Amino acid sequence: MPRSDLVRLRLALTLFFALDGFVFAGWVVRIPAVKEQTGASASALGLALLGVSAGVVVTMIFTGRLCRRYGSHPVTVVCAVLLCLSVGLPPLTHSALALGTVLLVFGAAYGGINVAFSSAAVDLVAALRRPIMPSFHAAFSLGGMVGAGLGALVAGSLSPTRHLWGLAAIGLLVTAVAGRMLMRIEPLVPADRGQARGKEAGRTEQGGPRRLDGRTRTLVIDFGLIALCTAYGEGALADWGALHLEEDLGASPGVAALGYSCFALAMTIGRLTGTTLLERPGRTRTLVAGGTIATAGMLFGALAPSLEGALLGYAITGIGLADLFPVAIERAGALAGPGGVATASTLRYGGMLLGPPAIGFMADWLRTGRSG
């Protein structure tokens, strides 16, 4: 592929990563308003939020096959359209059951586009032979920061319906621009990836799959568990961060929306420096330091008695989590090829699947214990 096409491909994928974060953040900052509209309890909301994760996990089974049959580029564009349209559905619901149903659709679109553009990004990283994956995740975080910041600005003046359908319109416009660019570029074929990463992906010189030993499988699972913990932490901040600020610390809806924005900004900064961290301190030190910082940030954000302290904790968490998932996916792929990436990704979305209801039930249990 000509160098100019590789540059355009990187730009198009960056726009889709940013769009994904923008739309998702727009939804999460309006969760408190939708919760109030539906009259759901914390546990009922947790089950409804399970629809997003369930849709993601189910879609992963089919999206890979669709990408192999039709190519990752058209699948990315179709899923982007579905994502933009489905984000406007939650504020139209008036019960936890209806909310969970539409979030299942939203989750399916969200999971589909993540698998599709991640597949294209993996092939591009292999073709460029540079560790640029953190830059794509930085675009996602930047989009999330912008989406959360916009939500904070309009939370007091726009209803969730007008806000989220406005996001849908913006998203469709970005999809039209980036999708046109993406569809003009031929997808990188698996041979390109095999030539660039054959040794790292666990292939023999003849191109056939290499049987993995027990230690390698264990390492792949370890990286998958790191991805799971990362998703659990991100989900906690995304789904419950604004509710904590609003219900426990008395923040207004607009100020509560700033919580995810602080988290996304910190994660963006961490991911923009991700390539340097991977090349200098190394992957292992980055993982250990990141996990330690994220744990400290989560505890600080949850236990801080003031709004300012909670926001600082959210930012610290974002710094710590920034590069954990990109590193985990990269190392799993280097050890076991596409199968390693699939294993780590599946475990990551398992964290998304278990996180929302677990936190919801824990919140209700703690409230019941205090009242008793």
Protein backbone atom coordinates (compact mmCIF):
# COMPACT_ATOMS: atom_id res chain seq x y z
CA MET A 1 0.00 0.00 0.00
CA PRO A 2 1.34 3.50 -0.85
CA ARG A 3 2.56 5.54 2.11
CA SER A 4 -0.09 8.19 1.47
CA ASP A 5 -2.85 5.59 1.81
CA LEU A 6 -1.38 4.41 5.11
CA VAL A 7 -1.47 7.99 6.39
CA ARG A 8 -5.09 8.44 5.28
CA LEU A 9 -6.01 5.09 6.82
CA ARG A 10 -4.49 6.14 10.13
CA LEU A 11 -6.40 9.43 10.03
CA ALA A 12 -9.71 7.73 9.24
CA LEU A 13 -9.28 5.18 12.02
CA THR A 14 -8.29 7.93 14.45
CA LEU A 15 -11.53 9.75 13.65
CA PHE A 16 -13.58 6.61 14.28
CA PHE A 17 -11.82 5.94 17.59
CA ALA A 18 -12.54 9.55 18.62
CA LEU A 19 -16.16 9.26 17.49
CA ASP A 20 -16.58 6.10 19.54
CA GLY A 21 -15.35 7.84 22.70
CA PHE A 22 -17.40 10.97 21.96
CA VAL A 23 -20.69 9.12 21.60
CA PHE A 24 -20.08 6.80 24.55
CA ALA A 25 -19.18 9.70 26.87
CA GLY A 26 -22.25 11.60 25.74
CA TRP A 27 -24.37 8.71 26.95
CA VAL A 28 -22.63 8.10 30.29
CA VAL A 29 -22.87 11.71 31.49
CA ARG A 30 -26.66 11.57 31.06
CA ILE A 31 -27.08 8.33 33.02
CA PRO A 32 -28.26 10.18 36.18
CA ALA A 33 -31.01 11.97 34.21
CA VAL A 34 -32.11 8.74 32.50
CA LYS A 35 -32.07 6.94 35.87
CA GLU A 36 -34.39 9.58 37.32
CA GLN A 37 -36.63 9.42 34.25
CA THR A 38 -37.05 5.65 34.51
CA GLY A 39 -37.34 5.62 38.31
CA ALA A 40 -34.86 2.73 38.51
CA SER A 41 -33.08 1.75 41.72
CA ALA A 42 -29.31 1.34 41.78
CA SER A 43 -29.57 -2.42 41.32
CA ALA A 44 -32.20 -2.09 38.57
CA LEU A 45 -30.00 0.44 36.79
CA GLY A 46 -27.07 -1.94 37.12
CA LEU A 47 -29.06 -4.66 35.39
CA ALA A 48 -30.16 -2.24 32.69
CA LEU A 49 -26.56 -1.17 32.12
CA LEU A 50 -25.79 -4.85 31.73
CA GLY A 51 -27.50 -4.53 28.34
CA VAL A 52 -24.54 -2.57 26.99
CA SER A 53 -22.02 -5.19 28.05
CA ALA A 54 -24.22 -8.09 26.92
CA GLY A 55 -24.63 -6.50 23.51
CA VAL A 56 -20.88 -6.03 23.24
CA VAL A 57 -20.05 -9.64 24.16
CA VAL A 58 -22.67 -11.17 21.86
CA THR A 59 -21.61 -8.98 18.94
CA MET A 60 -17.97 -10.00 19.27
CA ILE A 61 -18.92 -13.52 18.20
CA PHE A 62 -20.25 -12.34 14.85
CA THR A 63 -18.27 -9.20 14.02
CA GLY A 64 -15.04 -11.07 13.39
CA ARG A 65 -16.77 -13.25 10.82
CA LEU A 66 -18.34 -10.21 9.16
CA CYS A 67 -14.93 -8.53 8.96
CA ARG A 68 -13.41 -11.62 7.35
CA ARG A 69 -16.22 -11.83 4.82
CA TYR A 70 -16.87 -8.18 3.98
CA GLY A 71 -13.74 -6.45 5.27
CA SER A 72 -13.20 -4.40 8.41
CA HIS A 73 -13.71 -1.06 6.66
CA PRO A 74 -17.37 -1.42 5.60
CA VAL A 75 -18.22 -3.12 8.90
CA THR A 76 -16.72 -0.14 10.74
CA VAL A 77 -18.87 2.32 8.79
CA VAL A 78 -22.11 0.34 9.24
CA CYS A 79 -21.53 -0.08 12.96
CA ALA A 80 -20.74 3.63 13.31
CA VAL A 81 -24.12 4.52 11.79
CA LEU A 82 -25.89 2.10 14.14
CA LEU A 83 -23.97 3.48 17.12
CA CYS A 84 -24.96 7.06 16.35
CA LEU A 85 -28.62 6.18 15.87
CA SER A 86 -28.89 3.98 18.95
CA VAL A 87 -27.41 6.55 21.37
CA GLY A 88 -30.61 8.56 21.05
CA LEU A 89 -32.83 5.69 22.23
CA PRO A 90 -32.20 5.59 26.05
CA PRO A 91 -33.96 8.90 26.87
CA LEU A 92 -37.06 7.64 25.04
CA THR A 93 -37.56 4.87 27.63
CA HIS A 94 -39.56 5.04 30.88
CA SER A 95 -38.70 1.77 32.61
CA ALA A 96 -35.59 -0.17 33.53
CA LEU A 97 -36.65 -3.05 31.27
CA ALA A 98 -37.08 -0.79 28.24
CA LEU A 99 -33.79 0.93 29.03
CA GLY A 100 -31.97 -2.41 29.19
CA THR A 101 -33.47 -3.42 25.84
CA VAL A 102 -32.32 -0.32 23.95
CA LEU A 103 -28.93 -0.48 25.67
CA LEU A 104 -28.58 -3.99 24.27
CA VAL A 105 -28.84 -2.45 20.78
CA PHE A 106 -26.43 0.32 21.73
CA GLY A 107 -23.98 -2.22 23.14
CA ALA A 108 -24.17 -4.34 19.99
CA ALA A 109 -23.25 -1.34 17.84
CA TYR A 110 -20.54 -0.30 20.29
CA GLY A 111 -19.00 -3.76 20.38
CA GLY A 112 -19.22 -4.16 16.61
CA ILE A 113 -17.38 -0.95 15.80
CA ASN A 114 -14.71 -1.68 18.41
CA VAL A 115 -13.94 -5.08 16.92
CA ALA A 116 -14.01 -3.74 13.36
CA PHE A 117 -11.77 -0.70 13.73
CA SER A 118 -9.47 -2.52 16.15
CA SER A 119 -8.92 -5.21 13.52
CA ALA A 120 -8.03 -2.54 10.97
CA ALA A 121 -5.77 -0.80 13.49
CA VAL A 122 -3.89 -4.02 14.30
CA ASP A 123 -3.15 -4.53 10.61
CA LEU A 124 -2.00 -0.93 10.28
CA VAL A 125 0.32 -1.21 13.29
CA ALA A 126 1.83 -4.32 11.70
CA ALA A 127 2.31 -2.58 8.36
CA LEU A 128 3.96 0.49 9.94
CA ARG A 129 6.01 -1.62 12.37
CA ARG A 130 5.64 1.03 15.08
CA PRO A 131 3.87 0.79 18.46
CA ILE A 132 1.22 3.40 17.61
CA MET A 133 -1.74 1.59 19.19
CA PRO A 134 -1.80 3.93 22.23
CA SER A 135 -2.38 6.85 19.86
CA PHE A 136 -5.67 5.33 18.70
CA HIS A 137 -6.78 4.83 22.28
CA ALA A 138 -5.72 8.42 22.98
CA ALA A 139 -8.13 9.51 20.25
CA PHE A 140 -10.88 7.50 21.96
CA SER A 141 -10.09 9.20 25.28
CA LEU A 142 -9.94 12.62 23.66
CA GLY A 143 -13.32 12.02 22.09
CA GLY A 144 -14.61 10.95 25.49
CA MET A 145 -13.26 14.10 27.09
CA VAL A 146 -14.94 16.30 24.48
CA GLY A 147 -18.20 14.36 24.75
CA ALA A 148 -18.20 14.59 28.55
CA GLY A 149 -17.26 18.27 28.49
CA LEU A 150 -20.07 19.03 26.05
CA GLY A 151 -22.45 17.09 28.27
CA ALA A 152 -21.39 19.16 31.27
CA LEU A 153 -22.14 22.36 29.35
CA VAL A 154 -25.61 21.37 28.16
CA ALA A 155 -26.78 19.20 31.09
CA GLY A 156 -28.59 22.10 32.73
CA SER A 157 -30.18 23.48 29.58
CA LEU A 158 -30.94 20.55 27.26
CA SER A 159 -33.03 17.49 27.95
CA PRO A 160 -31.32 14.11 27.52
CA THR A 161 -33.39 13.52 24.38
CA ARG A 162 -32.25 16.69 22.63
CA HIS A 163 -28.68 16.26 23.81
CA LEU A 164 -28.25 12.65 22.68
CA TRP A 165 -30.01 13.12 19.35
CA GLY A 166 -27.76 16.12 18.78
CA LEU A 167 -24.80 13.82 19.39
CA ALA A 168 -26.31 11.38 16.90
CA ALA A 169 -26.42 14.09 14.23
CA ILE A 170 -22.80 15.09 14.87
CA GLY A 171 -21.74 11.45 14.83
CA LEU A 172 -23.45 10.77 11.50
CA LEU A 173 -21.68 13.78 10.00
CA VAL A 174 -18.28 12.52 11.20
CA THR A 175 -19.13 9.05 9.92
CA ALA A 176 -19.92 10.45 6.49
CA VAL A 177 -16.51 12.18 6.30
CA ALA A 178 -14.35 9.47 7.86
CA GLY A 179 -16.33 6.64 6.25
CA ARG A 180 -15.85 8.06 2.78
CA MET A 181 -12.11 8.25 3.42
CA LEU A 182 -12.00 4.73 4.83
CA MET A 183 -14.00 3.12 2.04
CA ARG A 184 -11.63 4.50 -0.59
CA ILE A 185 -8.72 2.56 0.93
CA GLU A 186 -8.32 -1.16 0.41
CA PRO A 187 -8.11 -3.07 3.71
CA LEU A 188 -4.74 -4.51 4.56
CA VAL A 189 -4.78 -8.24 3.86
CA PRO A 190 -3.76 -10.79 6.51
CA ALA A 191 -0.57 -11.51 4.55
CA ASP A 192 0.66 -8.04 5.37
CA ARG A 193 0.22 -8.74 9.05
CA GLY A 194 1.79 -12.14 8.74
CA GLN A 195 4.92 -10.78 7.04
CA ALA A 196 5.30 -7.95 9.56
CA ARG A 197 4.47 -9.90 12.71
CA GLY A 198 4.86 -13.54 11.80
CA LYS A 199 7.46 -14.22 14.43
CA GLU A 200 5.70 -12.30 17.20
CA ALA A 201 2.29 -13.77 16.36
CA GLY A 202 3.47 -17.30 16.94
CA ARG A 203 3.79 -18.47 13.34
CA THR A 204 6.24 -20.89 11.85
CA GLU A 205 8.47 -19.92 8.97
CA GLN A 206 6.05 -21.72 6.66
CA GLY A 207 3.19 -19.51 7.90
CA GLY A 208 1.29 -22.17 9.81
CA PRO A 209 0.07 -21.76 13.36
CA ARG A 210 2.46 -22.77 16.10
CA ARG A 211 1.24 -24.86 19.01
CA LEU A 212 1.38 -22.80 22.18
CA ASP A 213 2.92 -24.22 25.34
CA GLY A 214 1.33 -23.98 28.78
CA ARG A 215 3.43 -21.00 29.87
CA THR A 216 2.41 -18.98 26.83
CA ARG A 217 -1.28 -19.73 27.37
CA THR A 218 -0.93 -18.69 31.01
CA LEU A 219 0.69 -15.40 30.02
CA VAL A 220 -2.08 -14.69 27.48
CA ILE A 221 -4.69 -15.29 30.18
CA ASP A 222 -2.74 -13.04 32.55
CA PHE A 223 -2.82 -10.22 30.03
CA GLY A 224 -6.51 -10.90 29.49
CA LEU A 225 -7.12 -10.56 33.23
CA ILE A 226 -5.27 -7.24 33.16
CA ALA A 227 -7.60 -6.14 30.37
CA LEU A 228 -10.59 -7.34 32.45
CA CYS A 229 -9.51 -5.28 35.46
CA THR A 230 -8.94 -2.27 33.24
CA ALA A 231 -12.46 -2.56 31.80
CA TYR A 232 -13.90 -2.95 35.30
CA GLY A 233 -12.19 0.27 36.39
CA GLU A 234 -13.21 2.20 33.29
CA GLY A 235 -16.78 0.96 33.65
CA ALA A 236 -16.92 2.02 37.28
CA LEU A 237 -15.95 5.57 36.36
CA ALA A 238 -18.14 5.71 33.26
CA ASP A 239 -21.33 4.20 34.67
CA TRP A 240 -21.20 5.30 38.31
CA GLY A 241 -18.78 8.23 38.49
CA ALA A 242 -21.36 10.93 37.77
CA LEU A 243 -23.89 9.30 40.11
CA HIS A 244 -21.36 9.28 42.96
CA LEU A 245 -20.65 12.99 42.53
CA GLU A 246 -24.33 13.90 42.23
CA GLU A 247 -25.93 11.66 44.86
CA ASP A 248 -23.15 11.32 47.46
CA LEU A 249 -21.34 14.66 47.16
CA GLY A 250 -24.24 16.90 46.13
CA ALA A 251 -22.86 18.04 42.78
CA SER A 252 -25.14 19.57 40.16
CA PRO A 253 -25.74 17.58 36.93
CA GLY A 254 -23.32 19.80 35.03
CA VAL A 255 -20.56 19.50 37.63
CA ALA A 256 -21.15 15.75 37.98
CA ALA A 257 -20.57 15.36 34.25
CA LEU A 258 -17.10 16.86 34.73
CA GLY A 259 -16.05 13.72 36.58
CA TYR A 260 -15.81 11.60 33.46
CA SER A 261 -14.28 14.53 31.61
CA CYS A 262 -11.43 14.71 34.16
CA PHE A 263 -10.95 10.96 33.89
CA ALA A 264 -10.93 11.07 30.07
CA LEU A 265 -8.52 14.03 29.97
CA ALA A 266 -6.05 12.26 32.25
CA MET A 267 -6.33 9.06 30.24
CA THR A 268 -5.77 11.01 27.01
CA ILE A 269 -2.57 12.53 28.38
CA GLY A 270 -1.37 9.13 29.55
CA ARG A 271 -2.02 7.54 26.17
CA LEU A 272 -0.41 10.34 24.20
CA THR A 273 2.80 9.55 26.06
CA GLY A 274 2.19 5.80 25.84
CA THR A 275 4.62 5.10 22.99
CA THR A 276 7.45 6.82 24.89
CA LEU A 277 6.66 4.84 28.03
CA LEU A 278 6.68 1.57 26.12
CA GLU A 279 10.01 2.37 24.49
CA ARG A 280 11.79 3.59 27.66
CA PRO A 281 10.67 2.18 31.04
CA GLY A 282 9.27 -0.85 29.24
CA ARG A 283 5.98 -2.73 29.20
CA THR A 284 6.34 -4.53 32.53
CA ARG A 285 7.14 -1.40 34.52
CA THR A 286 4.35 0.45 32.73
CA LEU A 287 1.84 -2.23 33.70
CA VAL A 288 2.93 -2.41 37.35
CA ALA A 289 3.10 1.35 37.82
CA GLY A 290 -0.18 1.91 36.01
CA GLY A 291 -2.06 -0.66 38.06
CA THR A 292 -0.73 0.77 41.32
CA ILE A 293 -1.62 4.34 40.38
CA ALA A 294 -5.10 3.34 39.20
CA THR A 295 -5.84 1.50 42.45
CA ALA A 296 -4.76 4.49 44.52
CA GLY A 297 -6.85 6.82 42.37
CA MET A 298 -9.99 4.69 42.67
CA LEU A 299 -9.69 4.56 46.46
CA PHE A 300 -9.01 8.29 46.70
CA GLY A 301 -11.93 9.16 44.41
CA ALA A 302 -14.35 6.92 46.31
CA LEU A 303 -13.33 7.95 49.83
CA ALA A 304 -12.63 11.66 49.33
CA PRO A 305 -15.14 13.75 51.34
CA SER A 306 -15.08 16.67 48.90
CA LEU A 307 -15.96 17.14 45.24
CA GLU A 308 -12.48 18.42 44.44
CA GLY A 309 -10.87 15.37 46.01
CA ALA A 310 -13.13 12.99 44.08
CA LEU A 311 -12.29 14.73 40.79
CA LEU A 312 -8.59 14.46 41.61
CA GLY A 313 -9.06 10.75 42.29
CA TYR A 314 -10.80 10.31 38.93
CA ALA A 315 -7.87 12.01 37.18
CA ILE A 316 -5.31 9.83 38.98
CA THR A 317 -7.28 6.75 37.96
CA GLY A 318 -7.25 7.88 34.33
CA ILE A 319 -3.46 8.27 34.37
CA GLY A 320 -3.03 4.81 35.86
CA LEU A 321 -5.41 2.99 33.50
CA ALA A 322 -4.28 4.82 30.36
CA ASP A 323 -1.90 2.29 28.84
CA LEU A 324 -2.90 -0.95 30.57
CA PHE A 325 -5.34 -2.15 27.91
CA PRO A 326 -3.18 -1.21 24.87
CA VAL A 327 -0.19 -3.01 26.43
CA ALA A 328 -2.25 -6.07 27.39
CA ILE A 329 -3.71 -6.44 23.89
CA GLU A 330 -0.33 -5.89 22.23
CA ARG A 331 1.46 -8.46 24.39
CA ALA A 332 -1.31 -11.05 24.03
CA GLY A 333 -1.12 -10.63 20.27
CA ALA A 334 2.68 -10.89 20.25
CA LEU A 335 2.50 -14.13 22.20
CA ALA A 336 -0.35 -15.88 20.43
CA GLY A 337 -1.33 -13.83 17.39
CA PRO A 338 -4.99 -13.06 16.64
CA GLY A 339 -6.08 -15.79 19.04
CA GLY A 340 -4.30 -14.00 21.87
CA VAL A 341 -5.96 -10.71 20.97
CA ALA A 342 -9.36 -12.42 20.92
CA THR A 343 -8.77 -14.03 24.32
CA ALA A 344 -7.69 -10.79 25.96
CA SER A 345 -10.55 -8.85 24.35
CA THR A 346 -13.13 -11.40 25.47
CA LEU A 347 -11.88 -11.25 29.05
CA ARG A 348 -11.92 -7.45 28.90
CA TYR A 349 -15.56 -7.37 27.88
CA GLY A 350 -16.24 -9.91 30.60
CA GLY A 351 -15.15 -7.19 33.01
CA MET A 352 -17.60 -4.82 31.38
CA LEU A 353 -20.29 -7.48 31.66
CA LEU A 354 -19.79 -8.11 35.37
CA GLY A 355 -18.95 -4.60 36.53
CA PRO A 356 -22.21 -2.61 36.29
CA PRO A 357 -24.53 -5.05 38.09
CA ALA A 358 -21.90 -5.88 40.73
CA ILE A 359 -21.44 -2.21 41.62
CA GLY A 360 -25.21 -1.61 41.57
CA PHE A 361 -25.98 -4.49 43.94
CA MET A 362 -23.10 -3.48 46.20
CA ALA A 363 -24.42 0.10 46.37
CA ASP A 364 -27.91 -1.09 47.35
CA TRP A 365 -26.47 -3.53 49.89
CA LEU A 366 -24.37 -0.84 51.54
CA ARG A 367 -27.30 1.59 51.65
CA THR A 368 -29.51 -1.09 53.20
CA GLY A 369 -26.86 -1.85 55.81
CA ARG A 370 -26.53 1.81 56.75
CA SER A 371 -30.29 2.33 57.03
CA GLY A 372 -30.63 -0.84 59.12
